[in-house]
Amino acid sequence: MPALLIKNFPPELHEVLRQRAAANHRSMNKEALAILERSLVHEPLVPPLQPLEPTVTNEKLRGHDVVRMIRHTRDGN
């Protein structure tokens, strides 16, 4: 079975992991695996933000136009 060695593990983070493992009645190894699994398998990946294309216009933008542009950029609609 593959193994993972984490070097330079900060003592403060080690203590938080120890406390979470104890609270969840797990070993530190099983707690670390549960955290990694939850993070890597169960949480959806969020695509990186794309830079906005510069918009040059002589028109005055109204508030609802700005909201529409933001929603279009955010949602891709």
C-alpha atoms as a PDB file:
ATOM      1  CA  MET A   1       0.000   0.000   0.000  1.00  0.00           C
ATOM      2  CA  PRO A   2       1.389   3.469  -0.840  1.00  0.00           C
ATOM      3  CA  ALA A   3       2.651   5.672   1.960  1.00  0.00           C
ATOM      4  CA  LEU A   4       2.968   9.425   2.346  1.00  0.00           C
ATOM      5  CA  LEU A   5       5.576  11.232   4.407  1.00  0.00           C
ATOM      6  CA  ILE A   6       4.883  14.867   5.241  1.00  0.00           C
ATOM      7  CA  LYS A   7       8.045  16.787   5.994  1.00  0.00           C
ATOM      8  CA  ASN A   8       8.259  19.997   8.037  1.00  0.00           C
ATOM      9  CA  PHE A   9       4.791  19.469   9.509  1.00  0.00           C
ATOM     10  CA  PRO A  10       4.134  22.568  11.659  1.00  0.00           C
ATOM     11  CA  PRO A  11       3.720  21.703  15.350  1.00  0.00           C
ATOM     12  CA  GLU A  12       0.565  23.821  15.603  1.00  0.00           C
ATOM     13  CA  LEU A  13      -1.053  21.922  12.734  1.00  0.00           C
ATOM     14  CA  HIS A  14       0.054  18.617  14.253  1.00  0.00           C
ATOM     15  CA  GLU A  15      -1.708  19.572  17.481  1.00  0.00           C
ATOM     16  CA  VAL A  16      -4.924  20.514  15.639  1.00  0.00           C
ATOM     17  CA  LEU A  17      -4.848  17.186  13.819  1.00  0.00           C
ATOM     18  CA  ARG A  18      -4.271  15.355  17.112  1.00  0.00           C
ATOM     19  CA  GLN A  19      -7.254  17.133  18.700  1.00  0.00           C
ATOM     20  CA  ARG A  20      -9.541  16.461  15.724  1.00  0.00           C
ATOM     21  CA  ALA A  21      -8.519  12.804  15.680  1.00  0.00           C
ATOM     22  CA  ALA A  22      -9.296  12.482  19.382  1.00  0.00           C
ATOM     23  CA  ALA A  23     -12.645  14.246  18.981  1.00  0.00           C
ATOM     24  CA  ASN A  24     -13.569  11.873  16.137  1.00  0.00           C
ATOM     25  CA  HIS A  25     -12.242   8.783  17.959  1.00  0.00           C
ATOM     26  CA  ARG A  26      -9.672   8.075  15.230  1.00  0.00           C
ATOM     27  CA  SER A  27      -5.950   7.706  14.988  1.00  0.00           C
ATOM     28  CA  MET A  28      -4.106  10.682  13.554  1.00  0.00           C
ATOM     29  CA  ASN A  29      -3.417   8.660  10.412  1.00  0.00           C
ATOM     30  CA  LYS A  30      -7.104   7.829   9.900  1.00  0.00           C
ATOM     31  CA  GLU A  31      -8.089  11.432  10.608  1.00  0.00           C
ATOM     32  CA  ALA A  32      -5.582  12.736   8.051  1.00  0.00           C
ATOM     33  CA  LEU A  33      -6.910  10.235   5.483  1.00  0.00           C
ATOM     34  CA  ALA A  34     -10.506  11.288   6.217  1.00  0.00           C
ATOM     35  CA  ILE A  35      -9.591  14.959   5.740  1.00  0.00           C
ATOM     36  CA  LEU A  36      -7.766  14.240   2.488  1.00  0.00           C
ATOM     37  CA  GLU A  37     -10.587  12.074   1.171  1.00  0.00           C
ATOM     38  CA  ARG A  38     -13.193  14.706   2.013  1.00  0.00           C
ATOM     39  CA  SER A  39     -11.095  17.388   0.357  1.00  0.00           C
ATOM     40  CA  LEU A  40      -9.966  15.478  -2.729  1.00  0.00           C
ATOM     41  CA  VAL A  41     -12.926  13.222  -3.487  1.00  0.00           C
ATOM     42  CA  HIS A  42     -16.108  14.697  -2.049  1.00  0.00           C
ATOM     43  CA  GLU A  43     -15.672  18.436  -2.551  1.00  0.00           C
ATOM     44  CA  PRO A  44     -16.280  19.679  -6.086  1.00  0.00           C
ATOM     45  CA  LEU A  45     -13.336  21.190  -7.874  1.00  0.00           C
ATOM     46  CA  VAL A  46     -13.615  24.900  -8.386  1.00  0.00           C
ATOM     47  CA  PRO A  47     -12.188  26.089 -11.685  1.00  0.00           C
ATOM     48  CA  PRO A  48      -9.684  28.908 -11.433  1.00  0.00           C
ATOM     49  CA  LEU A  49     -10.978  32.371 -12.145  1.00  0.00           C
ATOM     50  CA  GLN A  50     -10.379  33.634 -15.645  1.00  0.00           C
ATOM     51  CA  PRO A  51      -9.239  37.228 -16.125  1.00  0.00           C
ATOM     52  CA  LEU A  52     -11.878  39.544 -17.496  1.00  0.00           C
ATOM     53  CA  GLU A  53     -11.512  40.855 -20.999  1.00  0.00           C
ATOM     54  CA  PRO A  54     -11.096  44.623 -20.973  1.00  0.00           C
ATOM     55  CA  THR A  55     -14.207  46.439 -22.110  1.00  0.00           C
ATOM     56  CA  VAL A  56     -13.864  49.847 -23.677  1.00  0.00           C
ATOM     57  CA  THR A  57     -17.045  51.760 -24.317  1.00  0.00           C
ATOM     58  CA  ASN A  58     -18.208  55.331 -24.528  1.00  0.00           C
ATOM     59  CA  GLU A  59     -21.659  54.332 -23.303  1.00  0.00           C
ATOM     60  CA  LYS A  60     -22.719  55.032 -19.761  1.00  0.00           C
ATOM     61  CA  LEU A  61     -23.467  51.782 -17.996  1.00  0.00           C
ATOM     62  CA  ARG A  62     -26.529  51.520 -15.827  1.00  0.00           C
ATOM     63  CA  GLY A  63     -26.561  49.525 -12.612  1.00  0.00           C
ATOM     64  CA  HIS A  64     -28.577  46.652 -14.036  1.00  0.00           C
ATOM     65  CA  ASP A  65     -26.161  46.461 -17.002  1.00  0.00           C
ATOM     66  CA  VAL A  66     -23.252  46.022 -14.607  1.00  0.00           C
ATOM     67  CA  VAL A  67     -25.135  43.363 -12.642  1.00  0.00           C
ATOM     68  CA  ARG A  68     -25.954  41.537 -15.901  1.00  0.00           C
ATOM     69  CA  MET A  69     -22.302  41.639 -16.978  1.00  0.00           C
ATOM     70  CA  ILE A  70     -21.130  40.322 -13.612  1.00  0.00           C
ATOM     71  CA  ARG A  71     -23.673  37.491 -13.647  1.00  0.00           C
ATOM     72  CA  HIS A  72     -22.770  36.612 -17.227  1.00  0.00           C
ATOM     73  CA  THR A  73     -19.084  36.440 -16.347  1.00  0.00           C
ATOM     74  CA  ARG A  74     -19.721  34.511 -13.140  1.00  0.00           C
ATOM     75  CA  ASP A  75     -22.329  32.051 -14.415  1.00  0.00           C
ATOM     76  CA  GLY A  76     -21.375  31.868 -18.066  1.00  0.00           C
ATOM     77  CA  ASN A  77     -24.946  32.742 -19.139  1.00  0.00           C
END
